[in-house]
Amino acid sequence: ASGKHDFNAGETSRITPLGKILRKTKLDELPQLLNVLKGEMSLVGPRPEVRKWTLVYPERWEVVHRVKPGITDNASIMFRHEEELLTGAASPDDTYREVILPKKLEIYTDYVNSRSFSGDIKILLKTMKAVWTD
């Protein structure tokens, strides 16, 4: 109602040159390794989501919350340019809720229902490839 949204889509003027490099290479995610070491997160698993979005499609989130959140997953790879997708949207919130979030939930649910060690290794390798070839 206020016209504000929860995304930084297109709002990059506050990001320093070093910050841009950290974001592009995903090095800004490294502090989450502490959460992995503390057992609060996994390397691979559905990304943690803002509470506002977990209230959307609550029955689908029940499945996702059966596993620990992760630093990377197939949805992270698919939507690694999510900010750019939202920048061009008339309503970033609507685009996220109606287009991106349902697809992420589908990917998260597939992961939860078929996760395996070899699958996690494949996701880690795909993540490294995406980071270094982007």
N, C-alpha and C. Protein backbone atom coordinates (compact mmCIF):
# COMPACT_ATOMS: atom_id res chain seq x y z
N ALA A 1 0.82 -1.20 0.00
CA ALA A 1 0.00 0.00 0.00
C ALA A 1 0.85 1.25 0.00
N SER A 2 2.02 1.18 0.62
CA SER A 2 2.87 2.36 0.70
C SER A 2 3.67 2.57 -0.57
N GLY A 3 3.67 1.59 -1.46
CA GLY A 3 4.45 1.72 -2.68
C GLY A 3 5.89 1.26 -2.50
N LYS A 4 6.25 0.93 -1.27
CA LYS A 4 7.62 0.46 -1.02
C LYS A 4 7.65 -1.05 -1.21
N HIS A 5 8.82 -1.55 -1.48
CA HIS A 5 8.99 -2.99 -1.63
C HIS A 5 10.18 -3.44 -0.82
N ASP A 6 10.34 -4.76 -0.69
CA ASP A 6 11.40 -5.33 0.14
C ASP A 6 12.68 -5.61 -0.64
N PHE A 7 12.75 -5.20 -1.88
CA PHE A 7 13.89 -5.53 -2.70
C PHE A 7 14.74 -4.30 -2.97
N ASN A 8 16.00 -4.54 -3.25
CA ASN A 8 16.91 -3.46 -3.61
C ASN A 8 17.04 -3.38 -5.12
N ALA A 9 16.04 -3.81 -5.82
CA ALA A 9 16.08 -3.86 -7.28
C ALA A 9 16.43 -2.50 -7.85
N GLY A 10 17.59 -2.45 -8.49
CA GLY A 10 18.01 -1.23 -9.15
C GLY A 10 18.61 -0.19 -8.22
N GLU A 11 18.57 -0.43 -6.93
CA GLU A 11 19.08 0.54 -5.96
C GLU A 11 20.54 0.21 -5.63
N THR A 12 21.42 0.42 -6.58
CA THR A 12 22.82 0.06 -6.39
C THR A 12 23.72 1.25 -6.12
N SER A 13 23.15 2.44 -6.01
CA SER A 13 23.98 3.63 -5.82
C SER A 13 24.72 3.62 -4.49
N ARG A 14 24.22 2.87 -3.51
CA ARG A 14 24.87 2.83 -2.20
C ARG A 14 25.95 1.76 -2.13
N ILE A 15 26.09 0.95 -3.15
CA ILE A 15 27.05 -0.15 -3.13
C ILE A 15 28.41 0.35 -3.59
N THR A 16 29.43 0.09 -2.78
CA THR A 16 30.79 0.51 -3.12
C THR A 16 31.34 -0.39 -4.23
N PRO A 17 32.41 0.04 -4.90
CA PRO A 17 33.02 -0.83 -5.91
C PRO A 17 33.42 -2.20 -5.34
N LEU A 18 33.97 -2.21 -4.12
CA LEU A 18 34.33 -3.48 -3.49
C LEU A 18 33.08 -4.31 -3.23
N GLY A 19 32.02 -3.66 -2.79
CA GLY A 19 30.76 -4.35 -2.55
C GLY A 19 30.21 -4.99 -3.81
N LYS A 20 30.35 -4.31 -4.94
CA LYS A 20 29.89 -4.87 -6.21
C LYS A 20 30.65 -6.15 -6.56
N ILE A 21 31.96 -6.13 -6.31
CA ILE A 21 32.78 -7.32 -6.57
C ILE A 21 32.36 -8.45 -5.63
N LEU A 22 32.19 -8.13 -4.35
CA LEU A 22 31.78 -9.15 -3.38
C LEU A 22 30.44 -9.76 -3.76
N ARG A 23 29.50 -8.94 -4.20
CA ARG A 23 28.19 -9.44 -4.61
C ARG A 23 28.28 -10.30 -5.86
N LYS A 24 29.02 -9.82 -6.86
CA LYS A 24 29.11 -10.54 -8.13
C LYS A 24 29.73 -11.92 -7.93
N THR A 25 30.77 -12.01 -7.08
CA THR A 25 31.45 -13.28 -6.85
C THR A 25 30.81 -14.08 -5.73
N LYS A 26 29.77 -13.52 -5.12
CA LYS A 26 29.04 -14.16 -4.01
C LYS A 26 29.90 -14.29 -2.75
N LEU A 27 31.02 -13.57 -2.69
CA LEU A 27 31.84 -13.60 -1.49
C LEU A 27 31.13 -12.96 -0.30
N ASP A 28 30.10 -12.18 -0.59
CA ASP A 28 29.32 -11.58 0.50
C ASP A 28 28.53 -12.65 1.27
N GLU A 29 28.50 -13.87 0.76
CA GLU A 29 27.81 -14.97 1.43
C GLU A 29 28.72 -15.70 2.41
N LEU A 30 30.03 -15.42 2.40
CA LEU A 30 30.97 -16.15 3.25
C LEU A 30 30.63 -16.12 4.74
N PRO A 31 30.15 -15.01 5.29
CA PRO A 31 29.81 -15.05 6.73
C PRO A 31 28.81 -16.14 7.09
N GLN A 32 28.03 -16.59 6.12
CA GLN A 32 27.07 -17.66 6.41
C GLN A 32 27.77 -18.99 6.69
N LEU A 33 29.05 -19.10 6.34
CA LEU A 33 29.79 -20.32 6.68
C LEU A 33 29.83 -20.51 8.20
N LEU A 34 29.83 -19.41 8.94
CA LEU A 34 29.77 -19.51 10.40
C LEU A 34 28.48 -20.20 10.83
N ASN A 35 27.38 -19.87 10.16
CA ASN A 35 26.11 -20.53 10.46
C ASN A 35 26.17 -22.02 10.13
N VAL A 36 26.89 -22.38 9.08
CA VAL A 36 27.06 -23.79 8.72
C VAL A 36 27.87 -24.48 9.81
N LEU A 37 28.97 -23.86 10.24
CA LEU A 37 29.81 -24.45 11.29
C LEU A 37 29.05 -24.61 12.60
N LYS A 38 28.13 -23.70 12.89
CA LYS A 38 27.33 -23.78 14.12
C LYS A 38 26.17 -24.76 13.98
N GLY A 39 25.98 -25.33 12.78
CA GLY A 39 24.92 -26.30 12.56
C GLY A 39 23.55 -25.68 12.31
N GLU A 40 23.51 -24.38 12.08
CA GLU A 40 22.25 -23.68 11.84
C GLU A 40 21.84 -23.71 10.36
N MET A 41 22.80 -23.93 9.49
CA MET A 41 22.57 -23.97 8.05
C MET A 41 23.36 -25.12 7.46
N SER A 42 23.04 -25.45 6.22
CA SER A 42 23.80 -26.41 5.43
C SER A 42 24.45 -25.67 4.28
N LEU A 43 25.45 -26.29 3.67
CA LEU A 43 26.01 -25.68 2.46
C LEU A 43 24.96 -25.66 1.36
N VAL A 44 24.23 -26.77 1.23
CA VAL A 44 23.20 -26.88 0.19
C VAL A 44 21.84 -27.05 0.85
N GLY A 45 20.91 -26.28 0.37
CA GLY A 45 19.53 -26.36 0.86
C GLY A 45 18.79 -25.11 0.45
N PRO A 46 17.49 -25.10 0.63
CA PRO A 46 16.72 -23.90 0.26
C PRO A 46 17.24 -22.67 0.99
N ARG A 47 17.34 -21.57 0.28
CA ARG A 47 17.83 -20.33 0.88
C ARG A 47 16.85 -19.83 1.94
N PRO A 48 17.37 -19.23 3.01
CA PRO A 48 16.47 -18.62 3.99
C PRO A 48 15.66 -17.51 3.31
N GLU A 49 14.45 -17.34 3.73
CA GLU A 49 13.57 -16.35 3.11
C GLU A 49 13.08 -15.34 4.14
N VAL A 50 12.81 -14.14 3.69
CA VAL A 50 12.24 -13.09 4.52
C VAL A 50 10.88 -13.58 5.03
N ARG A 51 10.61 -13.37 6.31
CA ARG A 51 9.37 -13.87 6.93
C ARG A 51 8.12 -13.52 6.12
N LYS A 52 8.07 -12.31 5.61
CA LYS A 52 6.91 -11.87 4.82
C LYS A 52 6.57 -12.89 3.73
N TRP A 53 7.60 -13.44 3.09
CA TRP A 53 7.36 -14.35 1.97
C TRP A 53 7.06 -15.77 2.44
N THR A 54 7.45 -16.12 3.67
CA THR A 54 7.10 -17.46 4.17
C THR A 54 5.62 -17.53 4.55
N LEU A 55 4.99 -16.38 4.68
CA LEU A 55 3.56 -16.34 4.98
C LEU A 55 2.72 -16.51 3.72
N VAL A 56 3.37 -16.42 2.56
CA VAL A 56 2.71 -16.65 1.28
C VAL A 56 2.86 -18.15 0.97
N TYR A 57 1.80 -18.80 0.58
CA TYR A 57 1.81 -20.24 0.30
C TYR A 57 2.30 -21.05 1.51
N PRO A 58 1.72 -20.86 2.71
CA PRO A 58 2.23 -21.50 3.93
C PRO A 58 2.31 -23.02 3.85
N GLU A 59 1.37 -23.65 3.16
CA GLU A 59 1.40 -25.11 3.06
C GLU A 59 2.62 -25.59 2.29
N ARG A 60 3.08 -24.81 1.35
CA ARG A 60 4.26 -25.20 0.57
C ARG A 60 5.53 -24.99 1.38
N TRP A 61 5.53 -23.99 2.25
CA TRP A 61 6.70 -23.73 3.09
C TRP A 61 6.89 -24.82 4.14
N GLU A 62 5.80 -25.50 4.54
CA GLU A 62 5.92 -26.58 5.52
C GLU A 62 6.90 -27.64 5.02
N VAL A 63 6.82 -27.98 3.76
CA VAL A 63 7.73 -28.97 3.17
C VAL A 63 9.15 -28.43 3.17
N VAL A 64 9.33 -27.20 2.76
CA VAL A 64 10.66 -26.59 2.67
C VAL A 64 11.33 -26.55 4.03
N HIS A 65 10.57 -26.26 5.07
CA HIS A 65 11.15 -26.11 6.41
C HIS A 65 11.48 -27.43 7.08
N ARG A 66 11.33 -28.54 6.38
CA ARG A 66 11.75 -29.84 6.92
C ARG A 66 13.26 -29.99 6.92
N VAL A 67 13.94 -29.15 6.15
CA VAL A 67 15.41 -29.22 6.09
C VAL A 67 16.00 -27.88 6.51
N LYS A 68 17.27 -27.91 6.90
CA LYS A 68 17.96 -26.66 7.25
C LYS A 68 18.10 -25.80 6.00
N PRO A 69 18.08 -24.49 6.18
CA PRO A 69 18.34 -23.62 5.03
C PRO A 69 19.79 -23.80 4.59
N GLY A 70 20.06 -23.44 3.35
CA GLY A 70 21.40 -23.59 2.82
C GLY A 70 21.94 -22.31 2.21
N ILE A 71 23.22 -22.34 1.90
CA ILE A 71 23.88 -21.20 1.26
C ILE A 71 23.59 -21.19 -0.23
N THR A 72 23.47 -22.38 -0.82
CA THR A 72 23.20 -22.46 -2.25
C THR A 72 22.21 -23.57 -2.54
N ASP A 73 21.56 -23.47 -3.67
CA ASP A 73 20.63 -24.49 -4.13
C ASP A 73 20.34 -24.22 -5.60
N ASN A 74 19.55 -25.09 -6.20
CA ASN A 74 19.25 -24.91 -7.63
C ASN A 74 18.50 -23.62 -7.92
N ALA A 75 17.65 -23.18 -6.99
CA ALA A 75 16.93 -21.92 -7.20
C ALA A 75 17.89 -20.73 -7.17
N SER A 76 18.90 -20.80 -6.30
CA SER A 76 19.90 -19.73 -6.24
C SER A 76 20.65 -19.61 -7.56
N ILE A 77 20.93 -20.76 -8.15
CA ILE A 77 21.63 -20.77 -9.43
C ILE A 77 20.72 -20.22 -10.52
N MET A 78 19.48 -20.71 -10.56
CA MET A 78 18.54 -20.26 -11.60
C MET A 78 18.26 -18.77 -11.49
N PHE A 79 18.11 -18.27 -10.27
CA PHE A 79 17.74 -16.88 -10.06
C PHE A 79 18.91 -16.04 -9.56
N ARG A 80 20.12 -16.37 -10.00
CA ARG A 80 21.29 -15.62 -9.54
C ARG A 80 21.27 -14.16 -10.01
N HIS A 81 20.45 -13.86 -11.01
CA HIS A 81 20.30 -12.48 -11.48
C HIS A 81 18.92 -11.94 -11.11
N GLU A 82 18.41 -12.41 -10.00
CA GLU A 82 17.06 -12.02 -9.56
C GLU A 82 16.91 -10.51 -9.44
N GLU A 83 17.92 -9.86 -8.92
CA GLU A 83 17.85 -8.41 -8.74
C GLU A 83 17.61 -7.71 -10.09
N GLU A 84 18.27 -8.20 -11.13
CA GLU A 84 18.08 -7.61 -12.46
C GLU A 84 16.66 -7.88 -12.98
N LEU A 85 16.14 -9.08 -12.71
CA LEU A 85 14.77 -9.39 -13.13
C LEU A 85 13.77 -8.45 -12.45
N LEU A 86 14.00 -8.19 -11.18
CA LEU A 86 13.08 -7.34 -10.42
C LEU A 86 13.23 -5.87 -10.77
N THR A 87 14.43 -5.47 -11.19
CA THR A 87 14.66 -4.07 -11.56
C THR A 87 13.74 -3.64 -12.69
N GLY A 88 13.53 -4.52 -13.65
CA GLY A 88 12.70 -4.17 -14.79
C GLY A 88 11.21 -4.36 -14.57
N ALA A 89 10.84 -4.84 -13.39
CA ALA A 89 9.43 -5.13 -13.12
C ALA A 89 8.68 -3.88 -12.68
N ALA A 90 7.44 -3.74 -13.13
CA ALA A 90 6.60 -2.62 -12.71
C ALA A 90 6.37 -2.69 -11.20
N SER A 91 6.16 -3.88 -10.68
CA SER A 91 5.99 -4.09 -9.24
C SER A 91 6.87 -5.25 -8.81
N PRO A 92 8.05 -4.96 -8.25
CA PRO A 92 8.93 -6.05 -7.82
C PRO A 92 8.26 -7.03 -6.86
N ASP A 93 7.48 -6.52 -5.91
CA ASP A 93 6.80 -7.42 -4.96
C ASP A 93 5.86 -8.38 -5.69
N ASP A 94 5.04 -7.85 -6.59
CA ASP A 94 4.10 -8.70 -7.33
C ASP A 94 4.84 -9.72 -8.19
N THR A 95 5.90 -9.28 -8.85
CA THR A 95 6.68 -10.18 -9.69
C THR A 95 7.30 -11.29 -8.85
N TYR A 96 7.83 -10.92 -7.69
CA TYR A 96 8.43 -11.93 -6.82
C TYR A 96 7.36 -12.92 -6.35
N ARG A 97 6.25 -12.41 -5.84
CA ARG A 97 5.20 -13.26 -5.27
C ARG A 97 4.54 -14.16 -6.33
N GLU A 98 4.30 -13.63 -7.52
CA GLU A 98 3.51 -14.35 -8.51
C GLU A 98 4.34 -15.15 -9.52
N VAL A 99 5.61 -14.78 -9.70
CA VAL A 99 6.43 -15.45 -10.71
C VAL A 99 7.61 -16.19 -10.09
N ILE A 100 8.44 -15.46 -9.36
CA ILE A 100 9.68 -16.04 -8.86
C ILE A 100 9.44 -16.99 -7.69
N LEU A 101 8.70 -16.55 -6.68
CA LEU A 101 8.49 -17.38 -5.49
C LEU A 101 7.85 -18.73 -5.79
N PRO A 102 6.80 -18.81 -6.62
CA PRO A 102 6.26 -20.14 -6.91
C PRO A 102 7.28 -21.08 -7.56
N LYS A 103 8.12 -20.54 -8.45
CA LYS A 103 9.15 -21.37 -9.08
C LYS A 103 10.19 -21.81 -8.06
N LYS A 104 10.60 -20.89 -7.18
CA LYS A 104 11.55 -21.26 -6.13
C LYS A 104 10.96 -22.36 -5.24
N LEU A 105 9.70 -22.21 -4.86
CA LEU A 105 9.07 -23.22 -4.01
C LEU A 105 9.01 -24.58 -4.69
N GLU A 106 8.79 -24.58 -5.99
CA GLU A 106 8.80 -25.84 -6.75
C GLU A 106 10.19 -26.47 -6.69
N ILE A 107 11.21 -25.66 -6.89
CA ILE A 107 12.59 -26.16 -6.86
C ILE A 107 12.95 -26.63 -5.45
N TYR A 108 12.58 -25.85 -4.44
CA TYR A 108 12.85 -26.23 -3.05
C TYR A 108 12.18 -27.56 -2.71
N THR A 109 10.93 -27.71 -3.10
CA THR A 109 10.19 -28.94 -2.80
C THR A 109 10.83 -30.14 -3.49
N ASP A 110 11.23 -29.97 -4.74
CA ASP A 110 11.93 -31.05 -5.45
C ASP A 110 13.20 -31.43 -4.70
N TYR A 111 13.93 -30.44 -4.20
CA TYR A 111 15.17 -30.71 -3.47
C TYR A 111 14.86 -31.51 -2.20
N VAL A 112 13.90 -31.04 -1.41
CA VAL A 112 13.56 -31.70 -0.15
C VAL A 112 13.14 -33.14 -0.39
N ASN A 113 12.37 -33.38 -1.43
CA ASN A 113 11.84 -34.72 -1.70
C ASN A 113 12.84 -35.67 -2.33
N SER A 114 13.95 -35.15 -2.85
CA SER A 114 14.90 -36.05 -3.53
C SER A 114 16.36 -35.77 -3.16
N ARG A 115 16.59 -35.12 -2.03
CA ARG A 115 17.96 -34.73 -1.69
C ARG A 115 18.85 -35.94 -1.43
N SER A 116 20.12 -35.77 -1.80
CA SER A 116 21.11 -36.83 -1.62
C SER A 116 22.49 -36.18 -1.58
N PHE A 117 23.44 -36.92 -1.08
CA PHE A 117 24.81 -36.42 -1.03
C PHE A 117 25.32 -36.11 -2.44
N SER A 118 25.10 -37.03 -3.38
CA SER A 118 25.58 -36.79 -4.74
C SER A 118 24.86 -35.60 -5.38
N GLY A 119 23.59 -35.44 -5.07
CA GLY A 119 22.85 -34.27 -5.58
C GLY A 119 23.42 -32.98 -5.02
N ASP A 120 23.79 -32.99 -3.73
CA ASP A 120 24.38 -31.80 -3.12
C ASP A 120 25.73 -31.46 -3.77
N ILE A 121 26.51 -32.48 -4.06
CA ILE A 121 27.81 -32.25 -4.73
C ILE A 121 27.58 -31.62 -6.10
N LYS A 122 26.60 -32.11 -6.83
CA LYS A 122 26.28 -31.54 -8.15
C LYS A 122 25.88 -30.08 -8.03
N ILE A 123 25.07 -29.75 -7.02
CA ILE A 123 24.65 -28.36 -6.82
C ILE A 123 25.85 -27.49 -6.47
N LEU A 124 26.74 -27.99 -5.62
CA LEU A 124 27.95 -27.22 -5.27
C LEU A 124 28.80 -26.97 -6.51
N LEU A 125 28.95 -27.97 -7.36
CA LEU A 125 29.75 -27.80 -8.59
C LEU A 125 29.08 -26.82 -9.55
N LYS A 126 27.74 -26.92 -9.69
CA LYS A 126 27.02 -25.98 -10.55
C LYS A 126 27.14 -24.55 -10.01
N THR A 127 27.14 -24.42 -8.69
CA THR A 127 27.27 -23.10 -8.08
C THR A 127 28.64 -22.51 -8.40
N MET A 128 29.69 -23.32 -8.22
CA MET A 128 31.04 -22.82 -8.52
C MET A 128 31.16 -22.43 -9.98
N LYS A 129 30.61 -23.24 -10.86
CA LYS A 129 30.65 -22.92 -12.29
C LYS A 129 29.92 -21.60 -12.57
N ALA A 130 28.74 -21.43 -11.97
CA ALA A 130 27.96 -20.20 -12.18
C ALA A 130 28.71 -18.97 -11.68
N VAL A 131 29.36 -19.10 -10.54
CA VAL A 131 30.08 -17.95 -9.96
C VAL A 131 31.28 -17.58 -10.83
N TRP A 132 32.00 -18.58 -11.31
CA TRP A 132 33.23 -18.29 -12.04
C TRP A 132 33.02 -18.01 -13.52
N THR A 133 31.88 -18.38 -14.08
CA THR A 133 31.66 -18.13 -15.51
C THR A 133 30.71 -16.98 -15.76
N ASP A 134 30.16 -16.42 -14.74
CA ASP A 134 29.22 -15.30 -14.88
C ASP A 134 29.92 -14.01 -15.22
